[in-house]
C-alpha atoms as a PDB file:
ATOM      1  CA  MET A   1      32.270 120.990-100.737  1.00  0.00           C
ATOM      2  CA  THR A   2      30.238 124.090-101.503  1.00  0.00           C
ATOM      3  CA  GLY A   3      29.798 127.332 -99.599  1.00  0.00           C
ATOM      4  CA  GLU A   4      32.284 129.432 -97.678  1.00  0.00           C
ATOM      5  CA  TYR A   5      35.035 127.224 -96.267  1.00  0.00           C
ATOM      6  CA  ILE A   6      36.773 128.230 -93.050  1.00  0.00           C
ATOM      7  CA  SER A   7      39.578 126.163 -91.566  1.00  0.00           C
ATOM      8  CA  ASN A   8      39.186 125.169 -87.915  1.00  0.00           C
ATOM      9  CA  ARG A   9      35.447 125.707 -88.052  1.00  0.00           C
ATOM     10  CA  ILE A  10      33.552 126.312 -84.830  1.00  0.00           C
ATOM     11  CA  LEU A  11      30.351 124.533 -85.881  1.00  0.00           C
ATOM     12  CA  PRO A  12      31.657 120.928 -85.647  1.00  0.00           C
ATOM     13  CA  LEU A  13      32.995 121.667 -82.152  1.00  0.00           C
ATOM     14  CA  ILE A  14      29.656 123.097 -81.029  1.00  0.00           C
ATOM     15  CA  LEU A  15      27.765 120.166 -82.536  1.00  0.00           C
ATOM     16  CA  GLN A  16      30.104 117.719 -80.813  1.00  0.00           C
ATOM     17  CA  ASP A  17      29.416 119.294 -77.406  1.00  0.00           C
ATOM     18  CA  LEU A  18      25.675 119.410 -78.034  1.00  0.00           C
ATOM     19  CA  CYS A  19      25.499 115.833 -79.273  1.00  0.00           C
ATOM     20  CA  ILE A  20      27.189 114.591 -76.095  1.00  0.00           C
ATOM     21  CA  GLU A  21      24.804 116.680 -74.013  1.00  0.00           C
ATOM     22  CA  LEU A  22      21.686 115.550 -75.893  1.00  0.00           C
ATOM     23  CA  GLY A  23      22.620 111.889 -76.274  1.00  0.00           C
ATOM     24  CA  ILE A  24      23.110 112.027 -80.037  1.00  0.00           C
ATOM     25  CA  ASP A  25      25.664 109.820 -81.808  1.00  0.00           C
ATOM     26  CA  MET A  26      27.873 111.883 -84.109  1.00  0.00           C
ATOM     27  CA  GLN A  27      30.346 111.105 -86.888  1.00  0.00           C
ATOM     28  CA  LYS A  28      32.371 113.597 -88.947  1.00  0.00           C
ATOM     29  CA  PHE A  29      33.571 113.166 -92.526  1.00  0.00           C
ATOM     30  CA  SER A  30      35.407 115.139 -95.220  1.00  0.00           C
ATOM     31  CA  GLU A  31      37.385 117.420 -92.905  1.00  0.00           C
ATOM     32  CA  ASP A  32      34.290 117.854 -90.707  1.00  0.00           C
ATOM     33  CA  TRP A  33      32.273 119.343 -93.594  1.00  0.00           C
ATOM     34  CA  LEU A  34      29.813 116.452 -93.332  1.00  0.00           C
ATOM     35  CA  VAL A  35      28.342 115.648 -89.932  1.00  0.00           C
ATOM     36  CA  ARG A  36      26.151 112.581 -89.392  1.00  0.00           C
ATOM     37  CA  MET A  37      23.964 112.591 -86.292  1.00  0.00           C
ATOM     38  CA  LYS A  38      21.824 109.716 -85.047  1.00  0.00           C
ATOM     39  CA  LYS A  39      19.451 109.329 -82.129  1.00  0.00           C
ATOM     40  CA  ASN A  40      17.304 106.246 -81.716  1.00  0.00           C
ATOM     41  CA  ARG A  41      16.471 105.346 -85.317  1.00  0.00           C
ATOM     42  CA  LYS A  42      16.618 108.832 -86.783  1.00  0.00           C
ATOM     43  CA  VAL A  43      19.632 109.956 -88.836  1.00  0.00           C
ATOM     44  CA  SER A  44      20.233 113.597 -89.729  1.00  0.00           C
ATOM     45  CA  TRP A  45      23.027 115.226 -91.729  1.00  0.00           C
ATOM     46  CA  ALA A  46      24.583 118.670 -91.560  1.00  0.00           C
ATOM     47  CA  VAL A  47      26.407 119.594 -94.770  1.00  0.00           C
ATOM     48  CA  GLY A  48      28.555 122.644 -94.236  1.00  0.00           C
ATOM     49  CA  TYR A  49      26.086 124.955 -92.518  1.00  0.00           C
ATOM     50  CA  VAL A  50      22.938 123.401 -93.965  1.00  0.00           C
ATOM     51  CA  PHE A  51      20.706 121.227 -91.788  1.00  0.00           C
ATOM     52  CA  ASP A  52      18.025 118.940 -93.178  1.00  0.00           C
ATOM     53  CA  LEU A  53      15.062 120.763 -91.651  1.00  0.00           C
ATOM     54  CA  ASN A  54      14.331 122.429 -94.995  1.00  0.00           C
ATOM     55  CA  SER A  55      13.215 120.739 -98.196  1.00  0.00           C
ATOM     56  CA  ALA A  56      15.716 120.629-101.055  1.00  0.00           C
ATOM     57  CA  SER A  57      13.634 123.023-103.161  1.00  0.00           C
ATOM     58  CA  ALA A  58      13.297 125.548-100.324  1.00  0.00           C
ATOM     59  CA  GLY A  59      17.039 125.473 -99.708  1.00  0.00           C
ATOM     60  CA  LEU A  60      17.814 126.013-103.384  1.00  0.00           C
ATOM     61  CA  MET A  61      15.290 128.837-103.542  1.00  0.00           C
ATOM     62  CA  ALA A  62      16.972 130.689-100.687  1.00  0.00           C
ATOM     63  CA  SER A  63      20.496 130.224-102.078  1.00  0.00           C
ATOM     64  CA  ASP A  64      19.538 131.759-105.442  1.00  0.00           C
ATOM     65  CA  LYS A  65      19.242 135.544-105.002  1.00  0.00           C
ATOM     66  CA  VAL A  66      16.914 135.994-107.974  1.00  0.00           C
ATOM     67  CA  ALA A  67      14.686 133.046-107.078  1.00  0.00           C
ATOM     68  CA  ALA A  68      14.384 134.274-103.496  1.00  0.00           C
ATOM     69  CA  TYR A  69      13.544 137.790-104.698  1.00  0.00           C
ATOM     70  CA  LEU A  70      10.855 136.457-107.044  1.00  0.00           C
ATOM     71  CA  ALA A  71       9.384 134.267-104.298  1.00  0.00           C
ATOM     72  CA  MET A  72       9.241 137.206-101.908  1.00  0.00           C
ATOM     73  CA  THR A  73       7.746 139.495-104.546  1.00  0.00           C
ATOM     74  CA  ALA A  74       5.033 136.918-105.261  1.00  0.00           C
ATOM     75  CA  SER A  75       4.153 137.037-101.549  1.00  0.00           C
ATOM     76  CA  ASP A  76       4.320 140.862-101.352  1.00  0.00           C
ATOM     77  CA  VAL A  77       7.373 140.822 -99.087  1.00  0.00           C
ATOM     78  CA  PRO A  78       9.438 144.036 -99.415  1.00  0.00           C
ATOM     79  CA  ALA A  79      12.745 142.923-100.936  1.00  0.00           C
ATOM     80  CA  VAL A  80      15.719 144.419-102.767  1.00  0.00           C
ATOM     81  CA  VAL A  81      15.358 143.935-106.527  1.00  0.00           C
ATOM     82  CA  HIS A  82      17.629 141.277-108.040  1.00  0.00           C
ATOM     83  CA  ILE A  83      17.619 140.836-111.822  1.00  0.00           C
ATOM     84  CA  LEU A  84      19.280 137.801-113.420  1.00  0.00           C
ATOM     85  CA  ALA A  85      22.059 139.336-115.494  1.00  0.00           C
ATOM     86  CA  LYS A  86      23.876 136.211-116.616  1.00  0.00           C
ATOM     87  CA  SER A  87      23.033 132.525-116.240  1.00  0.00           C
ATOM     88  CA  ARG A  88      25.476 129.634-116.501  1.00  0.00           C
ATOM     89  CA  THR A  89      24.228 128.896-120.045  1.00  0.00           C
ATOM     90  CA  GLU A  90      24.967 132.430-121.271  1.00  0.00           C
ATOM     91  CA  LYS A  91      28.378 133.644-122.408  1.00  0.00           C
ATOM     92  CA  SER A  92      27.628 137.283-121.605  1.00  0.00           C
ATOM     93  CA  VAL A  93      25.099 139.503-119.860  1.00  0.00           C
ATOM     94  CA  ASN A  94      21.529 139.198-121.139  1.00  0.00           C
ATOM     95  CA  LEU A  95      20.843 142.778-122.225  1.00  0.00           C
ATOM     96  CA  GLU A  96      17.084 142.329-122.501  1.00  0.00           C
ATOM     97  CA  ARG A  97      16.766 141.282-118.877  1.00  0.00           C
ATOM     98  CA  VAL A  98      19.022 143.926-117.379  1.00  0.00           C
ATOM     99  CA  LYS A  99      17.134 146.649-119.238  1.00  0.00           C
ATOM    100  CA  LEU A 100      14.260 145.845-116.883  1.00  0.00           C
ATOM    101  CA  LEU A 101      16.166 147.856-114.303  1.00  0.00           C
ATOM    102  CA  GLU A 102      15.073 151.458-114.278  1.00  0.00           C
ATOM    103  CA  SER A 103      17.724 154.113-114.722  1.00  0.00           C
ATOM    104  CA  LYS A 104      19.452 154.447-111.359  1.00  0.00           C
ATOM    105  CA  SER A 105      22.291 156.503-109.941  1.00  0.00           C
ATOM    106  CA  ALA A 106      24.336 153.336-109.451  1.00  0.00           C
ATOM    107  CA  TYR A 107      24.150 149.545-109.596  1.00  0.00           C
ATOM    108  CA  VAL A 108      25.456 146.610-107.588  1.00  0.00           C
ATOM    109  CA  ALA A 109      26.703 143.436-109.279  1.00  0.00           C
ATOM    110  CA  LYS A 110      26.642 140.222-107.235  1.00  0.00           C
ATOM    111  CA  PRO A 111      27.264 136.545-107.919  1.00  0.00           C
ATOM    112  CA  LEU A 112      23.910 134.771-108.126  1.00  0.00           C
ATOM    113  CA  MET A 113      24.836 132.259-105.430  1.00  0.00           C
ATOM    114  CA  GLY A 114      26.895 132.557-102.288  1.00  0.00           C
ATOM    115  CA  SER A 115      27.259 135.051 -99.492  1.00  0.00           C
ATOM    116  CA  SER A 116      29.957 136.930 -97.537  1.00  0.00           C
ATOM    117  CA  GLY A 117      30.015 139.780-100.070  1.00  0.00           C
ATOM    118  CA  LYS A 118      32.712 138.254-102.278  1.00  0.00           C
ATOM    119  CA  LEU A 119      32.967 139.885-105.745  1.00  0.00           C
ATOM    120  CA  VAL A 120      30.111 142.276-104.908  1.00  0.00           C
ATOM    121  CA  LYS A 121      30.809 145.629-106.554  1.00  0.00           C
ATOM    122  CA  LYS A 122      29.126 149.008-106.942  1.00  0.00           C
ATOM    123  CA  LEU A 123      29.318 150.635-110.393  1.00  0.00           C
ATOM    124  CA  ASP A 124      28.077 153.994-111.599  1.00  0.00           C
ATOM    125  CA  THR A 125      26.437 152.979-114.871  1.00  0.00           C
ATOM    126  CA  LEU A 126      24.689 149.945-116.288  1.00  0.00           C
ATOM    127  CA  GLU A 127      27.324 149.768-119.035  1.00  0.00           C
ATOM    128  CA  GLN A 128      30.139 149.576-116.459  1.00  0.00           C
ATOM    129  CA  THR A 129      28.199 146.909-114.571  1.00  0.00           C
ATOM    130  CA  ILE A 130      27.782 144.819-117.717  1.00  0.00           C
ATOM    131  CA  ASP A 131      31.488 145.127-118.551  1.00  0.00           C
ATOM    132  CA  TYR A 132      32.474 144.088-115.012  1.00  0.00           C
ATOM    133  CA  ILE A 133      30.314 140.969-115.172  1.00  0.00           C
ATOM    134  CA  ASN A 134      31.436 140.001-118.677  1.00  0.00           C
ATOM    135  CA  ALA A 135      35.096 140.267-117.635  1.00  0.00           C
ATOM    136  CA  SER A 136      34.610 137.925-114.668  1.00  0.00           C
ATOM    137  CA  ASN A 137      35.149 134.174-114.573  1.00  0.00           C
ATOM    138  CA  GLU A 138      32.086 133.841-112.341  1.00  0.00           C
ATOM    139  CA  ARG A 139      29.348 132.192-114.407  1.00  0.00           C
ATOM    140  CA  GLU A 140      26.138 133.456-112.798  1.00  0.00           C
ATOM    141  CA  TRP A 141      25.361 137.059-111.902  1.00  0.00           C
ATOM    142  CA  THR A 142      22.609 139.312-110.677  1.00  0.00           C
ATOM    143  CA  ILE A 143      22.280 143.104-110.704  1.00  0.00           C
ATOM    144  CA  SER A 144      20.506 145.248-108.122  1.00  0.00           C
ATOM    145  CA  PRO A 145      19.934 148.987-107.955  1.00  0.00           C
ATOM    146  CA  TRP A 146      22.279 150.608-105.438  1.00  0.00           C
ATOM    147  CA  LEU A 147      20.562 151.644-102.212  1.00  0.00           C
ATOM    148  CA  ASP A 148      21.844 153.961 -99.481  1.00  0.00           C
ATOM    149  CA  ILE A 149      21.864 151.440 -96.620  1.00  0.00           C
ATOM    150  CA  VAL A 150      22.201 152.808 -93.095  1.00  0.00           C
ATOM    151  CA  SER A 151      21.768 149.583 -91.112  1.00  0.00           C
ATOM    152  CA  GLU A 152      21.423 145.842 -91.534  1.00  0.00           C
ATOM    153  CA  GLN A 153      19.753 143.429 -89.135  1.00  0.00           C
ATOM    154  CA  ARG A 154      20.037 139.644 -89.245  1.00  0.00           C
ATOM    155  CA  ILE A 155      17.235 137.535 -87.808  1.00  0.00           C
ATOM    156  CA  ILE A 156      17.545 133.748 -87.569  1.00  0.00           C
ATOM    157  CA  LEU A 157      14.203 131.967 -87.424  1.00  0.00           C
ATOM    158  CA  LEU A 158      13.037 128.419 -86.817  1.00  0.00           C
ATOM    159  CA  ASP A 159       9.385 127.593 -87.472  1.00  0.00           C
ATOM    160  CA  GLY A 160       8.539 131.291 -87.455  1.00  0.00           C
ATOM    161  CA  LYS A 161      10.211 132.041 -84.115  1.00  0.00           C
ATOM    162  CA  PRO A 162      13.378 134.172 -83.818  1.00  0.00           C
ATOM    163  CA  LEU A 163      16.354 132.232 -82.458  1.00  0.00           C
ATOM    164  CA  ALA A 164      18.711 135.214 -82.515  1.00  0.00           C
ATOM    165  CA  SER A 165      18.926 138.731 -83.879  1.00  0.00           C
ATOM    166  CA  TYR A 166      21.813 141.134 -84.277  1.00  0.00           C
ATOM    167  CA  GLN A 167      22.817 144.275 -86.116  1.00  0.00           C
ATOM    168  CA  LYS A 168      25.867 144.284 -88.346  1.00  0.00           C
ATOM    169  CA  THR A 169      27.710 147.457 -87.361  1.00  0.00           C
ATOM    170  CA  ASN A 170      30.924 149.176 -88.492  1.00  0.00           C
ATOM    171  CA  PRO A 171      30.602 148.239 -92.169  1.00  0.00           C
ATOM    172  CA  THR A 172      33.625 148.219 -94.433  1.00  0.00           C
ATOM    173  CA  THR A 173      33.523 150.566 -97.434  1.00  0.00           C
ATOM    174  CA  ILE A 174      35.054 149.241-100.653  1.00  0.00           C
ATOM    175  CA  ASP A 175      34.830 151.382-103.799  1.00  0.00           C
ATOM    176  CA  SER A 176      32.112 153.522-102.130  1.00  0.00           C
ATOM    177  CA  LEU A 177      29.992 150.450-101.326  1.00  0.00           C
ATOM    178  CA  LYS A 178      29.250 149.740 -97.670  1.00  0.00           C
ATOM    179  CA  LEU A 179      29.598 146.041 -96.885  1.00  0.00           C
ATOM    180  CA  PHE A 180      27.918 144.890 -93.687  1.00  0.00           C
ATOM    181  CA  ASN A 181      29.375 141.379 -93.943  1.00  0.00           C
ATOM    182  CA  LEU A 182      31.089 139.990 -90.846  1.00  0.00           C
ATOM    183  CA  PHE A 183      33.523 138.352 -93.288  1.00  0.00           C
ATOM    184  CA  TYR A 184      34.831 141.852 -94.092  1.00  0.00           C
ATOM    185  CA  GLY A 185      35.063 142.938 -90.467  1.00  0.00           C
ATOM    186  CA  ALA A 186      31.620 144.249 -89.560  1.00  0.00           C
ATOM    187  CA  VAL A 187      30.828 143.836 -85.860  1.00  0.00           C
ATOM    188  CA  ALA A 188      27.746 141.946 -84.698  1.00  0.00           C
ATOM    189  CA  VAL A 189      25.799 143.615 -81.887  1.00  0.00           C
ATOM    190  CA  GLU A 190      22.847 141.815 -80.355  1.00  0.00           C
ATOM    191  CA  SER A 191      19.719 143.817 -81.080  1.00  0.00           C
ATOM    192  CA  LEU A 192      16.091 142.974 -80.431  1.00  0.00           C
ATOM    193  CA  PRO A 193      14.144 143.139 -83.696  1.00  0.00           C
ATOM    194  CA  THR A 194      11.101 145.349 -83.994  1.00  0.00           C
ATOM    195  CA  ASN A 195       7.680 143.814 -84.543  1.00  0.00           C
ATOM    196  CA  GLN A 196       7.867 145.022 -88.140  1.00  0.00           C
ATOM    197  CA  GLU A 197      11.242 143.333 -88.677  1.00  0.00           C
ATOM    198  CA  ILE A 198       9.990 140.059 -87.200  1.00  0.00           C
ATOM    199  CA  THR A 199       6.953 140.181 -89.468  1.00  0.00           C
ATOM    200  CA  ILE A 200       9.073 140.864 -92.552  1.00  0.00           C
ATOM    201  CA  ALA A 201      11.536 138.098 -91.664  1.00  0.00           C
ATOM    202  CA  ARG A 202       8.777 135.591 -90.953  1.00  0.00           C
ATOM    203  CA  ARG A 203       7.007 136.348 -94.220  1.00  0.00           C
ATOM    204  CA  ALA A 204      10.319 136.122 -96.102  1.00  0.00           C
ATOM    205  CA  VAL A 205      11.137 132.589 -94.939  1.00  0.00           C
ATOM    206  CA  GLU A 206       7.529 131.511 -95.453  1.00  0.00           C
ATOM    207  CA  SER A 207       7.620 132.791 -99.040  1.00  0.00           C
ATOM    208  CA  CYS A 208      10.484 130.376 -99.794  1.00  0.00           C
ATOM    209  CA  GLY A 209       9.019 127.499 -97.805  1.00  0.00           C
ATOM    210  CA  LEU A 210      11.783 127.505 -95.188  1.00  0.00           C
ATOM    211  CA  ARG A 211      11.461 126.175 -91.668  1.00  0.00           C
ATOM    212  CA  LEU A 212      14.956 127.411 -90.810  1.00  0.00           C
ATOM    213  CA  GLY A 213      16.553 130.511 -92.279  1.00  0.00           C
ATOM    214  CA  ALA A 214      18.573 133.677 -91.676  1.00  0.00           C
ATOM    215  CA  VAL A 215      17.080 136.887 -93.041  1.00  0.00           C
ATOM    216  CA  ASP A 216      19.048 140.102 -93.598  1.00  0.00           C
ATOM    217  CA  ILE A 217      16.835 143.195 -93.418  1.00  0.00           C
ATOM    218  CA  ILE A 218      18.233 146.550 -94.474  1.00  0.00           C
ATOM    219  CA  THR A 219      17.054 150.035 -93.551  1.00  0.00           C
ATOM    220  CA  THR A 220      17.731 152.696 -96.175  1.00  0.00           C
ATOM    221  CA  ALA A 221      18.370 156.397 -95.681  1.00  0.00           C
ATOM    222  CA  ASP A 222      14.741 157.167 -96.558  1.00  0.00           C
ATOM    223  CA  GLY A 223      13.522 154.871 -93.764  1.00  0.00           C
ATOM    224  CA  HIS A 224      12.313 151.942 -95.857  1.00  0.00           C
ATOM    225  CA  GLN A 225      13.027 148.373 -94.770  1.00  0.00           C
ATOM    226  CA  LYS A 226      13.580 145.521 -97.218  1.00  0.00           C
ATOM    227  CA  VAL A 227      14.964 142.011 -97.237  1.00  0.00           C
ATOM    228  CA  LEU A 228      18.434 142.008 -98.760  1.00  0.00           C
ATOM    229  CA  GLU A 229      18.845 138.231 -98.823  1.00  0.00           C
ATOM    230  CA  ILE A 230      17.859 134.954 -97.195  1.00  0.00           C
ATOM    231  CA  ASN A 231      20.189 132.133 -96.183  1.00  0.00           C
ATOM    232  CA  SER A 232      19.107 128.549 -95.575  1.00  0.00           C
ATOM    233  CA  GLY A 233      22.538 127.702 -94.179  1.00  0.00           C
ATOM    234  CA  ILE A 234      23.124 128.892 -90.620  1.00  0.00           C
ATOM    235  CA  SER A 235      26.738 129.992 -90.294  1.00  0.00           C
ATOM    236  CA  THR A 236      27.844 131.733 -87.109  1.00  0.00           C
ATOM    237  CA  GLU A 237      31.599 131.345 -87.645  1.00  0.00           C
ATOM    238  CA  HIS A 238      32.503 135.050 -87.686  1.00  0.00           C
ATOM    239  CA  PHE A 239      29.732 135.941 -85.232  1.00  0.00           C
ATOM    240  CA  ALA A 240      30.804 133.372 -82.621  1.00  0.00           C
ATOM    241  CA  ARG A 241      34.461 134.411 -82.823  1.00  0.00           C
ATOM    242  CA  GLN A 242      33.729 138.019 -81.877  1.00  0.00           C
ATOM    243  CA  SER A 243      33.033 137.399 -78.167  1.00  0.00           C
ATOM    244  CA  PRO A 244      32.338 134.669 -75.591  1.00  0.00           C
ATOM    245  CA  GLN A 245      28.761 135.948 -75.377  1.00  0.00           C
ATOM    246  CA  ASN A 246      28.330 135.514 -79.125  1.00  0.00           C
ATOM    247  CA  TYR A 247      29.712 131.982 -78.863  1.00  0.00           C
ATOM    248  CA  SER A 248      27.077 131.189 -76.236  1.00  0.00           C
ATOM    249  CA  VAL A 249      24.352 132.636 -78.454  1.00  0.00           C
ATOM    250  CA  ALA A 250      25.585 130.552 -81.394  1.00  0.00           C
ATOM    251  CA  LYS A 251      25.593 127.389 -79.283  1.00  0.00           C
ATOM    252  CA  GLU A 252      22.017 128.050 -78.198  1.00  0.00           C
ATOM    253  CA  ILE A 253      20.960 128.524 -81.833  1.00  0.00           C
ATOM    254  CA  TYR A 254      22.316 125.100 -82.760  1.00  0.00           C
ATOM    255  CA  ARG A 255      20.882 123.525 -79.612  1.00  0.00           C
ATOM    256  CA  LYS A 256      17.387 124.579 -80.677  1.00  0.00           C
ATOM    257  CA  ILE A 257      18.028 123.326 -84.203  1.00  0.00           C
ATOM    258  CA  LEU A 258      19.047 119.883 -82.935  1.00  0.00           C
ATOM    259  CA  LEU A 259      16.075 119.739 -80.581  1.00  0.00           C
ATOM    260  CA  ALA A 260      13.804 120.456 -83.550  1.00  0.00           C
ATOM    261  CA  ILE A 261      15.506 117.818 -85.697  1.00  0.00           C
ATOM    262  CA  PHE A 262      15.230 115.083 -83.075  1.00  0.00           C
ATOM    263  CA  ALA A 263      11.877 116.097 -81.594  1.00  0.00           C
END
């Protein structure tokens, strides 16, 4: 199993209801982490929160913060800079690469893969950031310049069309870093995206070759909007638990995903 693991996950329950409704045969394996769905002669798998609408390369691109940043930059999509600080083949931070970062007031260290804000940390100097990474058991790291984020919007898209959109409000502050992750207690509030946000999100998923993806767009104190990260896995665990309305929204997201899979 890879990815964030939550006991008593909501997704398998939602998929079970939807499969009954849509006439899809369903089997669950490995503590419901693997879900096999079949309709007529077509078989589709959900692994964790990843559905097989995306190609393997597109999914890997989105899960790698540096790769996604480079793909977006190549397509002129405004995105938060992510520099590869340490790869799994390196014993310590690659100083030549991290020097590509201009001198900033602060830096943010993040694991290269994964989400939920785990191990993400703000540090005042590049030297402190390097020391933090080198002292960690995590093998792959990226560094970003710290940005004064005032809001974060998530947009989930399928084939270029928004399935859902919400703001992550009430962020948690840890060591002077605001974390808008629902995992840390931020509250999701449904919010219609602006035309600009839809355009940015659509271009972001297209840059990575994704049919299905969740795009987090930040707005900074100076009014600029950038993509913070892209996710090819569609997890609504924390979102759906926050209210019955959110649960209904989550169910509708997965309904549209299944309809696309078995179209």
